[in-house]
Amino acid sequence: MQAGSVTDQPYSQFSPNAVVVVIGVNNTVTFTNQDPTSVHTVASFVVPPGATSFTSGPLTRGTSYTFTFTVRGTYYYWSQEAPWMRGIVVVK
């Protein structure tokens, strides 16, 4: 899987659950729900100072949400429907 791409896999996990992107190179990340049975969201819950938080809204299987990161730092995100599903985007 390329950096900058995250899928929501069956069995409640993000894959990969951590990605590293570089501003000006690959700082746009697309999140895609591949869970065959559940709707999920992707929402930040910790962002670096000065950064914009993000929330996808409901994603059914096969739908995607894209976000462009413009501030360096570590972003923590989760699925609001399944709070144990968490991931990290590190922006350099």
Protein backbone atom coordinates (compact mmCIF):
# COMPACT_ATOMS: atom_id res chain seq x y z
CA MET A 1 0.00 0.00 0.00
CA GLN A 2 1.27 3.45 -0.83
CA ALA A 3 1.90 6.06 1.85
CA GLY A 4 -0.99 8.45 1.81
CA SER A 5 -3.61 5.69 1.57
CA VAL A 6 -5.46 4.07 4.45
CA THR A 7 -8.21 1.47 4.26
CA ASP A 8 -10.66 0.41 6.92
CA GLN A 9 -10.42 -3.36 6.76
CA PRO A 10 -12.87 -5.97 8.02
CA TYR A 11 -12.37 -7.03 11.64
CA SER A 12 -12.16 -3.44 12.86
CA GLN A 13 -8.72 -2.15 12.01
CA PHE A 14 -7.10 0.54 9.91
CA SER A 15 -4.51 -0.70 7.45
CA PRO A 16 -1.94 0.57 7.76
CA ASN A 17 -2.69 2.08 11.13
CA ALA A 18 0.24 4.49 10.83
CA VAL A 19 1.37 6.44 7.76
CA VAL A 20 4.08 9.02 7.21
CA VAL A 21 3.54 11.77 4.65
CA VAL A 22 5.64 14.74 3.57
CA ILE A 23 4.18 18.19 2.89
CA GLY A 24 4.51 18.99 -0.81
CA VAL A 25 5.22 15.37 -1.73
CA ASN A 26 2.37 13.09 -0.61
CA ASN A 27 0.49 15.01 2.08
CA THR A 28 -2.98 14.03 0.88
CA VAL A 29 -4.38 10.90 2.51
CA THR A 30 -7.40 8.96 1.27
CA PHE A 31 -9.28 6.84 3.79
CA THR A 32 -11.47 4.08 2.28
CA ASN A 33 -13.93 1.87 4.15
CA GLN A 34 -13.53 -1.77 3.13
CA ASP A 35 -15.53 -3.19 6.04
CA PRO A 36 -18.30 -5.30 4.46
CA THR A 37 -20.75 -4.87 7.33
CA SER A 38 -20.21 -1.54 9.10
CA VAL A 39 -20.37 2.17 8.41
CA HIS A 40 -17.39 4.06 9.84
CA THR A 41 -16.09 7.60 10.11
CA VAL A 42 -12.55 8.88 10.24
CA ALA A 43 -12.15 11.67 12.77
CA SER A 44 -9.12 13.31 14.33
CA PHE A 45 -9.03 13.47 18.10
CA VAL A 46 -5.55 14.97 18.60
CA VAL A 47 -3.95 17.38 16.12
CA PRO A 48 -0.79 19.51 16.30
CA PRO A 49 -1.12 23.16 17.40
CA GLY A 50 -2.38 25.28 14.51
CA ALA A 51 -3.60 22.28 12.53
CA THR A 52 -7.12 21.66 11.26
CA SER A 53 -9.07 18.75 12.68
CA PHE A 54 -10.96 16.47 10.29
CA THR A 55 -14.10 14.34 10.28
CA SER A 56 -15.25 12.31 7.32
CA GLY A 57 -18.90 11.76 7.99
CA PRO A 58 -20.37 8.27 7.48
CA LEU A 59 -18.45 6.02 5.08
CA THR A 60 -20.18 2.93 3.75
CA ARG A 61 -18.22 0.09 2.19
CA GLY A 62 -16.17 1.29 -0.78
CA THR A 63 -16.59 5.00 -0.10
CA SER A 64 -13.65 7.29 0.63
CA TYR A 65 -12.70 10.50 2.38
CA THR A 66 -9.63 12.53 1.41
CA PHE A 67 -7.81 15.05 3.60
CA THR A 68 -4.75 17.17 2.79
CA PHE A 69 -2.40 17.77 5.71
CA THR A 70 -0.74 21.20 5.73
CA VAL A 71 0.80 21.39 9.22
CA ARG A 72 3.67 19.17 10.36
CA GLY A 73 3.14 16.94 13.37
CA THR A 74 1.38 13.80 14.55
CA TYR A 75 -2.36 13.42 14.02
CA TYR A 76 -4.33 10.76 15.89
CA TYR A 77 -7.61 9.57 14.39
CA TRP A 78 -10.34 7.03 15.08
CA SER A 79 -13.66 5.67 13.91
CA GLN A 80 -16.35 7.32 16.00
CA GLU A 81 -18.53 4.22 15.59
CA ALA A 82 -15.75 1.91 16.79
CA PRO A 83 -13.56 3.92 19.21
CA TRP A 84 -11.03 1.09 19.57
CA MET A 85 -10.11 1.61 15.90
CA ARG A 86 -7.32 4.19 15.96
CA GLY A 87 -4.55 5.32 13.67
CA ILE A 88 -1.78 7.87 13.27
CA VAL A 89 -0.66 10.15 10.45
CA VAL A 90 2.80 11.65 10.88
CA VAL A 91 3.32 14.72 8.71
CA LYS A 92 6.86 15.86 7.96
